[in-house]
Amino acid sequence: MVNPTISDDLFAMIAKKVADKSWLDLKPLIRSGTRGRDIVYRPDVLKDANIYSLCRVPDDFQVGGGHNPTGPQGEGRNRPFFKRCLLANNPTAVYNEAIRVLIHETDINGALKLMQRHAPVRADATIVCAIIFICAGYEWN
């Protein structure tokens, strides 16, 4: 149980510091109760969360993940958390989702829309947008 005397803003700052290290360290806060879960799922906490380890295994966060021993399942086991990060505009989530949309759904325009959110300020997003534009035969304006 989370200490009720800690303000929500202070608790959110603590959650952000924890999320900066690794998203896995947020699990105890999520399981601590509704207040902990609500704080962790705030967009300002998830926007900068370190989810690199989540994105290392595509089956864990992509649609059609394969971790169900009894047969295929609809999505990877960490897809719900990943989607929350995507909605919070986490750059790592946006980048990986754009790559998934491009490769698995062959939706060039959808991938570009996702990547263009970060293209002006992130080098990796800018490079990916340029590569997609060139491969798709679009003119660069």
N, C-alpha and C. Protein backbone atom coordinates (compact mmCIF):
# COMPACT_ATOMS: atom_id res chain seq x y z
N MET A 1 0.84 -1.18 0.00
CA MET A 1 0.00 0.00 0.00
C MET A 1 0.88 1.24 0.00
N VAL A 2 0.49 2.22 -0.78
CA VAL A 2 1.23 3.46 -0.90
C VAL A 2 0.88 4.36 0.27
N ASN A 3 1.88 5.04 0.80
CA ASN A 3 1.69 5.95 1.93
C ASN A 3 0.71 7.06 1.55
N PRO A 4 -0.44 7.16 2.26
CA PRO A 4 -1.44 8.16 1.89
C PRO A 4 -1.03 9.59 2.21
N THR A 5 0.03 9.78 3.00
CA THR A 5 0.45 11.14 3.34
C THR A 5 1.31 11.77 2.25
N ILE A 6 1.76 11.00 1.27
CA ILE A 6 2.54 11.54 0.17
C ILE A 6 1.57 12.14 -0.86
N SER A 7 1.84 13.38 -1.24
CA SER A 7 0.96 14.04 -2.22
C SER A 7 1.09 13.34 -3.58
N ASP A 8 0.06 13.51 -4.41
CA ASP A 8 0.07 12.89 -5.74
C ASP A 8 1.22 13.42 -6.59
N ASP A 9 1.51 14.71 -6.47
CA ASP A 9 2.59 15.29 -7.26
C ASP A 9 3.95 14.72 -6.86
N LEU A 10 4.17 14.58 -5.56
CA LEU A 10 5.42 13.99 -5.09
C LEU A 10 5.50 12.52 -5.50
N PHE A 11 4.39 11.83 -5.38
CA PHE A 11 4.35 10.42 -5.77
C PHE A 11 4.62 10.28 -7.27
N ALA A 12 4.09 11.20 -8.08
CA ALA A 12 4.34 11.18 -9.53
C ALA A 12 5.82 11.44 -9.82
N MET A 13 6.45 12.33 -9.07
CA MET A 13 7.87 12.58 -9.25
C MET A 13 8.69 11.33 -8.93
N ILE A 14 8.30 10.63 -7.88
CA ILE A 14 8.98 9.38 -7.52
C ILE A 14 8.80 8.36 -8.64
N ALA A 15 7.57 8.24 -9.14
CA ALA A 15 7.29 7.29 -10.22
C ALA A 15 8.09 7.64 -11.48
N LYS A 16 8.25 8.93 -11.79
CA LYS A 16 9.03 9.35 -12.95
C LYS A 16 10.49 8.93 -12.79
N LYS A 17 11.04 9.12 -11.59
CA LYS A 17 12.43 8.72 -11.34
C LYS A 17 12.60 7.21 -11.50
N VAL A 18 11.62 6.46 -11.00
CA VAL A 18 11.66 5.01 -11.14
C VAL A 18 11.54 4.63 -12.61
N ALA A 19 10.65 5.28 -13.34
CA ALA A 19 10.44 4.98 -14.76
C ALA A 19 11.66 5.34 -15.59
N ASP A 20 12.42 6.35 -15.17
CA ASP A 20 13.63 6.72 -15.90
C ASP A 20 14.65 5.59 -15.90
N LYS A 21 14.66 4.80 -14.84
CA LYS A 21 15.60 3.69 -14.74
C LYS A 21 15.13 2.52 -15.60
N SER A 22 13.91 2.05 -15.35
CA SER A 22 13.37 0.94 -16.12
C SER A 22 11.87 0.82 -15.86
N TRP A 23 11.15 0.49 -16.90
CA TRP A 23 9.70 0.33 -16.77
C TRP A 23 9.35 -0.84 -15.86
N LEU A 24 10.22 -1.84 -15.77
CA LEU A 24 9.95 -3.01 -14.93
C LEU A 24 9.85 -2.64 -13.45
N ASP A 25 10.55 -1.59 -13.05
CA ASP A 25 10.53 -1.16 -11.66
C ASP A 25 9.21 -0.49 -11.28
N LEU A 26 8.35 -0.24 -12.24
CA LEU A 26 7.04 0.35 -11.96
C LEU A 26 6.01 -0.69 -11.51
N LYS A 27 6.29 -1.96 -11.74
CA LYS A 27 5.31 -3.00 -11.41
C LYS A 27 4.87 -2.98 -9.95
N PRO A 28 5.78 -2.84 -8.97
CA PRO A 28 5.31 -2.78 -7.58
C PRO A 28 4.37 -1.60 -7.31
N LEU A 29 4.63 -0.48 -7.97
CA LEU A 29 3.75 0.69 -7.79
C LEU A 29 2.38 0.42 -8.40
N ILE A 30 2.36 -0.24 -9.54
CA ILE A 30 1.08 -0.57 -10.19
C ILE A 30 0.27 -1.52 -9.32
N ARG A 31 0.96 -2.48 -8.72
CA ARG A 31 0.28 -3.49 -7.89
C ARG A 31 -0.05 -3.00 -6.49
N SER A 32 0.42 -1.79 -6.14
CA SER A 32 0.20 -1.30 -4.78
C SER A 32 -1.23 -0.85 -4.52
N GLY A 33 -2.02 -0.71 -5.56
CA GLY A 33 -3.41 -0.28 -5.39
C GLY A 33 -3.81 0.68 -6.50
N THR A 34 -5.04 1.14 -6.41
CA THR A 34 -5.56 2.00 -7.48
C THR A 34 -4.81 3.33 -7.56
N ARG A 35 -4.42 3.89 -6.43
CA ARG A 35 -3.70 5.16 -6.45
C ARG A 35 -2.35 5.00 -7.14
N GLY A 36 -1.62 3.95 -6.80
CA GLY A 36 -0.33 3.70 -7.43
C GLY A 36 -0.47 3.47 -8.92
N ARG A 37 -1.46 2.68 -9.30
CA ARG A 37 -1.71 2.40 -10.72
C ARG A 37 -2.05 3.69 -11.46
N ASP A 38 -2.93 4.50 -10.88
CA ASP A 38 -3.35 5.73 -11.54
C ASP A 38 -2.17 6.70 -11.71
N ILE A 39 -1.29 6.76 -10.73
CA ILE A 39 -0.12 7.65 -10.82
C ILE A 39 0.83 7.14 -11.91
N VAL A 40 1.10 5.85 -11.93
CA VAL A 40 2.03 5.29 -12.91
C VAL A 40 1.50 5.47 -14.33
N TYR A 41 0.20 5.34 -14.52
CA TYR A 41 -0.39 5.44 -15.86
C TYR A 41 -0.63 6.88 -16.31
N ARG A 42 -0.20 7.85 -15.52
CA ARG A 42 -0.32 9.24 -15.95
C ARG A 42 0.58 9.48 -17.16
N PRO A 43 0.11 10.22 -18.15
CA PRO A 43 0.93 10.47 -19.34
C PRO A 43 2.28 11.12 -19.03
N ASP A 44 2.33 12.00 -18.04
CA ASP A 44 3.61 12.65 -17.74
C ASP A 44 4.63 11.68 -17.16
N VAL A 45 4.18 10.58 -16.57
CA VAL A 45 5.10 9.55 -16.07
C VAL A 45 5.53 8.64 -17.22
N LEU A 46 4.60 8.25 -18.07
CA LEU A 46 4.90 7.30 -19.15
C LEU A 46 5.62 7.93 -20.34
N LYS A 47 5.49 9.25 -20.50
CA LYS A 47 6.08 9.91 -21.67
C LYS A 47 7.58 9.68 -21.75
N ASP A 48 8.28 9.72 -20.65
CA ASP A 48 9.73 9.57 -20.67
C ASP A 48 10.21 8.27 -20.05
N ALA A 49 9.29 7.33 -19.86
CA ALA A 49 9.68 6.05 -19.23
C ALA A 49 10.67 5.31 -20.11
N ASN A 50 11.62 4.65 -19.47
CA ASN A 50 12.63 3.87 -20.17
C ASN A 50 12.04 2.50 -20.50
N ILE A 51 11.61 2.34 -21.75
CA ILE A 51 10.98 1.07 -22.15
C ILE A 51 11.83 0.30 -23.16
N TYR A 52 13.13 0.59 -23.18
CA TYR A 52 14.01 -0.11 -24.12
C TYR A 52 13.99 -1.62 -23.89
N SER A 53 13.99 -2.05 -22.64
CA SER A 53 13.98 -3.49 -22.38
C SER A 53 12.65 -4.12 -22.80
N LEU A 54 11.57 -3.36 -22.76
CA LEU A 54 10.28 -3.85 -23.23
C LEU A 54 10.32 -4.09 -24.74
N CYS A 55 10.99 -3.22 -25.45
CA CYS A 55 11.01 -3.27 -26.91
C CYS A 55 12.07 -4.21 -27.47
N ARG A 56 12.85 -4.84 -26.60
CA ARG A 56 13.86 -5.78 -27.07
C ARG A 56 13.26 -7.05 -27.67
N VAL A 57 12.14 -7.49 -27.13
CA VAL A 57 11.48 -8.71 -27.61
C VAL A 57 10.16 -8.30 -28.25
N PRO A 58 10.10 -8.24 -29.58
CA PRO A 58 8.89 -7.76 -30.26
C PRO A 58 7.62 -8.53 -29.90
N ASP A 59 7.72 -9.82 -29.62
CA ASP A 59 6.53 -10.59 -29.27
C ASP A 59 5.87 -10.08 -27.99
N ASP A 60 6.62 -9.40 -27.13
CA ASP A 60 6.06 -8.93 -25.87
C ASP A 60 5.17 -7.70 -26.03
N PHE A 61 5.39 -6.90 -27.06
CA PHE A 61 4.63 -5.65 -27.17
C PHE A 61 3.87 -5.50 -28.47
N GLN A 62 4.05 -6.40 -29.41
CA GLN A 62 3.38 -6.26 -30.69
C GLN A 62 2.08 -7.04 -30.74
N VAL A 63 1.24 -6.65 -31.66
CA VAL A 63 0.02 -7.40 -31.92
C VAL A 63 0.43 -8.76 -32.45
N GLY A 64 -0.21 -9.82 -31.95
CA GLY A 64 0.13 -11.16 -32.39
C GLY A 64 1.31 -11.76 -31.65
N GLY A 65 1.56 -11.29 -30.42
CA GLY A 65 2.66 -11.84 -29.63
C GLY A 65 2.47 -13.32 -29.39
N GLY A 66 3.55 -14.06 -29.22
CA GLY A 66 3.45 -15.51 -29.16
C GLY A 66 3.84 -16.13 -27.84
N HIS A 67 3.37 -15.60 -26.72
CA HIS A 67 3.77 -16.14 -25.42
C HIS A 67 2.69 -17.01 -24.79
N ASN A 68 1.71 -17.42 -25.53
CA ASN A 68 0.66 -18.27 -24.98
C ASN A 68 0.93 -19.71 -25.42
N PRO A 69 1.30 -20.60 -24.46
CA PRO A 69 1.66 -21.96 -24.85
C PRO A 69 0.49 -22.78 -25.40
N THR A 70 -0.74 -22.36 -25.16
CA THR A 70 -1.89 -23.11 -25.65
C THR A 70 -2.32 -22.69 -27.05
N GLY A 71 -1.65 -21.71 -27.60
CA GLY A 71 -1.99 -21.27 -28.94
C GLY A 71 -1.76 -19.78 -29.10
N PRO A 72 -2.03 -19.26 -30.29
CA PRO A 72 -1.78 -17.84 -30.53
C PRO A 72 -2.73 -16.96 -29.72
N GLN A 73 -2.25 -15.79 -29.39
CA GLN A 73 -3.09 -14.83 -28.68
C GLN A 73 -3.15 -13.55 -29.49
N GLY A 74 -4.05 -12.66 -29.09
CA GLY A 74 -4.27 -11.44 -29.86
C GLY A 74 -3.13 -10.46 -29.83
N GLU A 75 -2.47 -10.34 -28.71
CA GLU A 75 -1.38 -9.37 -28.62
C GLU A 75 -0.37 -9.83 -27.59
N GLY A 76 0.82 -9.24 -27.63
CA GLY A 76 1.88 -9.58 -26.71
C GLY A 76 1.49 -9.29 -25.27
N ARG A 77 2.16 -9.93 -24.35
CA ARG A 77 1.78 -9.82 -22.93
C ARG A 77 1.95 -8.42 -22.37
N ASN A 78 2.82 -7.61 -22.95
CA ASN A 78 3.03 -6.24 -22.46
C ASN A 78 2.42 -5.19 -23.37
N ARG A 79 1.62 -5.60 -24.33
CA ARG A 79 1.01 -4.67 -25.28
C ARG A 79 0.13 -3.62 -24.60
N PRO A 80 -0.68 -3.96 -23.58
CA PRO A 80 -1.48 -2.91 -22.93
C PRO A 80 -0.63 -1.79 -22.33
N PHE A 81 0.47 -2.15 -21.67
CA PHE A 81 1.36 -1.13 -21.11
C PHE A 81 2.01 -0.33 -22.23
N PHE A 82 2.43 -1.02 -23.28
CA PHE A 82 3.05 -0.36 -24.43
C PHE A 82 2.08 0.64 -25.05
N LYS A 83 0.80 0.26 -25.18
CA LYS A 83 -0.19 1.17 -25.76
C LYS A 83 -0.38 2.41 -24.90
N ARG A 84 -0.30 2.25 -23.60
CA ARG A 84 -0.39 3.42 -22.71
C ARG A 84 0.79 4.35 -22.94
N CYS A 85 1.97 3.78 -23.13
CA CYS A 85 3.16 4.59 -23.43
C CYS A 85 3.01 5.28 -24.79
N LEU A 86 2.43 4.57 -25.74
CA LEU A 86 2.20 5.14 -27.07
C LEU A 86 1.24 6.32 -26.99
N LEU A 87 0.17 6.17 -26.23
CA LEU A 87 -0.79 7.27 -26.05
C LEU A 87 -0.17 8.46 -25.31
N ALA A 88 0.82 8.19 -24.45
CA ALA A 88 1.52 9.25 -23.73
C ALA A 88 2.59 9.90 -24.60
N ASN A 89 2.74 9.41 -25.84
CA ASN A 89 3.70 9.94 -26.81
C ASN A 89 5.15 9.66 -26.39
N ASN A 90 5.38 8.51 -25.80
CA ASN A 90 6.73 8.07 -25.46
C ASN A 90 7.50 7.86 -26.77
N PRO A 91 8.64 8.53 -26.95
CA PRO A 91 9.37 8.45 -28.22
C PRO A 91 9.76 7.02 -28.61
N THR A 92 10.17 6.21 -27.65
CA THR A 92 10.55 4.83 -27.95
C THR A 92 9.34 4.03 -28.42
N ALA A 93 8.21 4.24 -27.78
CA ALA A 93 6.98 3.53 -28.17
C ALA A 93 6.53 3.97 -29.56
N VAL A 94 6.59 5.25 -29.82
CA VAL A 94 6.18 5.77 -31.13
C VAL A 94 7.08 5.20 -32.23
N TYR A 95 8.38 5.20 -31.99
CA TYR A 95 9.34 4.68 -32.97
C TYR A 95 9.07 3.21 -33.27
N ASN A 96 8.93 2.39 -32.22
CA ASN A 96 8.70 0.96 -32.42
C ASN A 96 7.34 0.66 -33.04
N GLU A 97 6.33 1.43 -32.69
CA GLU A 97 5.01 1.24 -33.28
C GLU A 97 5.03 1.62 -34.76
N ALA A 98 5.75 2.68 -35.11
CA ALA A 98 5.84 3.08 -36.52
C ALA A 98 6.53 2.00 -37.34
N ILE A 99 7.57 1.41 -36.80
CA ILE A 99 8.26 0.32 -37.49
C ILE A 99 7.31 -0.88 -37.64
N ARG A 100 6.55 -1.18 -36.59
CA ARG A 100 5.59 -2.30 -36.66
C ARG A 100 4.52 -2.03 -37.71
N VAL A 101 3.98 -0.82 -37.73
CA VAL A 101 2.95 -0.46 -38.71
C VAL A 101 3.52 -0.55 -40.13
N LEU A 102 4.74 -0.11 -40.32
CA LEU A 102 5.36 -0.16 -41.63
C LEU A 102 5.61 -1.59 -42.09
N ILE A 103 6.16 -2.41 -41.20
CA ILE A 103 6.56 -3.76 -41.60
C ILE A 103 5.38 -4.73 -41.63
N HIS A 104 4.59 -4.75 -40.57
CA HIS A 104 3.53 -5.76 -40.47
C HIS A 104 2.24 -5.37 -41.17
N GLU A 105 1.92 -4.10 -41.17
CA GLU A 105 0.68 -3.66 -41.80
C GLU A 105 0.92 -3.03 -43.18
N THR A 106 2.18 -2.86 -43.55
CA THR A 106 2.60 -2.21 -44.80
C THR A 106 1.83 -0.90 -45.05
N ASP A 107 1.71 -0.13 -43.99
CA ASP A 107 1.01 1.15 -44.04
C ASP A 107 2.05 2.27 -43.98
N ILE A 108 2.50 2.70 -45.14
CA ILE A 108 3.56 3.71 -45.21
C ILE A 108 3.08 5.03 -44.61
N ASN A 109 1.87 5.44 -44.98
CA ASN A 109 1.36 6.72 -44.48
C ASN A 109 1.14 6.69 -42.97
N GLY A 110 0.67 5.56 -42.44
CA GLY A 110 0.48 5.43 -41.00
C GLY A 110 1.80 5.51 -40.26
N ALA A 111 2.83 4.88 -40.80
CA ALA A 111 4.15 4.93 -40.17
C ALA A 111 4.71 6.35 -40.21
N LEU A 112 4.51 7.02 -41.33
CA LEU A 112 4.99 8.41 -41.43
C LEU A 112 4.29 9.33 -40.44
N LYS A 113 2.98 9.16 -40.30
CA LYS A 113 2.25 10.00 -39.35
C LYS A 113 2.77 9.81 -37.93
N LEU A 114 3.07 8.57 -37.58
CA LEU A 114 3.62 8.31 -36.25
C LEU A 114 5.00 8.94 -36.08
N MET A 115 5.87 8.73 -37.06
CA MET A 115 7.25 9.21 -36.94
C MET A 115 7.35 10.72 -37.02
N GLN A 116 6.46 11.36 -37.76
CA GLN A 116 6.55 12.80 -37.93
C GLN A 116 6.27 13.56 -36.63
N ARG A 117 5.68 12.88 -35.65
CA ARG A 117 5.48 13.52 -34.35
C ARG A 117 6.81 13.97 -33.75
N HIS A 118 7.85 13.14 -33.96
CA HIS A 118 9.14 13.39 -33.32
C HIS A 118 10.25 13.78 -34.30
N ALA A 119 9.95 13.79 -35.59
CA ALA A 119 10.99 14.04 -36.59
C ALA A 119 11.73 15.36 -36.40
N PRO A 120 11.08 16.45 -36.03
CA PRO A 120 11.84 17.69 -35.91
C PRO A 120 12.86 17.70 -34.77
N VAL A 121 12.66 16.89 -33.75
CA VAL A 121 13.53 16.98 -32.57
C VAL A 121 14.34 15.73 -32.29
N ARG A 122 14.03 14.62 -32.94
CA ARG A 122 14.77 13.38 -32.68
C ARG A 122 15.43 12.90 -33.96
N ALA A 123 16.72 12.66 -33.87
CA ALA A 123 17.49 12.27 -35.05
C ALA A 123 17.02 10.93 -35.63
N ASP A 124 16.73 9.95 -34.76
CA ASP A 124 16.31 8.64 -35.28
C ASP A 124 14.99 8.74 -36.03
N ALA A 125 14.07 9.55 -35.54
CA ALA A 125 12.78 9.73 -36.23
C ALA A 125 12.96 10.44 -37.56
N THR A 126 13.86 11.41 -37.60
CA THR A 126 14.12 12.14 -38.84
C THR A 126 14.71 11.22 -39.90
N ILE A 127 15.66 10.38 -39.50
CA ILE A 127 16.29 9.45 -40.44
C ILE A 127 15.27 8.44 -40.96
N VAL A 128 14.46 7.90 -40.07
CA VAL A 128 13.45 6.91 -40.49
C VAL A 128 12.46 7.55 -41.44
N CYS A 129 12.01 8.76 -41.14
CA CYS A 129 11.09 9.46 -42.05
C CYS A 129 11.72 9.65 -43.43
N ALA A 130 12.99 10.05 -43.45
CA ALA A 130 13.67 10.26 -44.73
C ALA A 130 13.78 8.95 -45.51
N ILE A 131 14.12 7.86 -44.84
CA ILE A 131 14.23 6.57 -45.52
C ILE A 131 12.88 6.13 -46.07
N ILE A 132 11.83 6.30 -45.27
CA ILE A 132 10.49 5.91 -45.74
C ILE A 132 10.07 6.76 -46.94
N PHE A 133 10.32 8.07 -46.87
CA PHE A 133 9.98 8.94 -47.99
C PHE A 133 10.70 8.49 -49.26
N ILE A 134 11.99 8.19 -49.15
CA ILE A 134 12.77 7.79 -50.32
C ILE A 134 12.28 6.45 -50.87
N CYS A 135 12.08 5.48 -49.99
CA CYS A 135 11.64 4.15 -50.43
C CYS A 135 10.24 4.18 -51.05
N ALA A 136 9.40 5.07 -50.54
CA ALA A 136 8.03 5.16 -51.06
C ALA A 136 7.95 5.97 -52.35
N GLY A 137 9.06 6.66 -52.69
CA GLY A 137 9.08 7.44 -53.92
C GLY A 137 8.46 8.82 -53.76
N TYR A 138 8.27 9.27 -52.52
CA TYR A 138 7.73 10.61 -52.31
C TYR A 138 8.81 11.66 -52.56
N GLU A 139 8.36 12.84 -52.95
CA GLU A 139 9.31 13.94 -53.10
C GLU A 139 9.49 14.60 -51.75
N TRP A 140 10.71 14.94 -51.44
CA TRP A 140 11.02 15.57 -50.16
C TRP A 140 10.91 17.07 -50.34
N ASN A 141 9.98 17.67 -49.59
CA ASN A 141 9.77 19.13 -49.71
C ASN A 141 10.29 19.82 -48.49
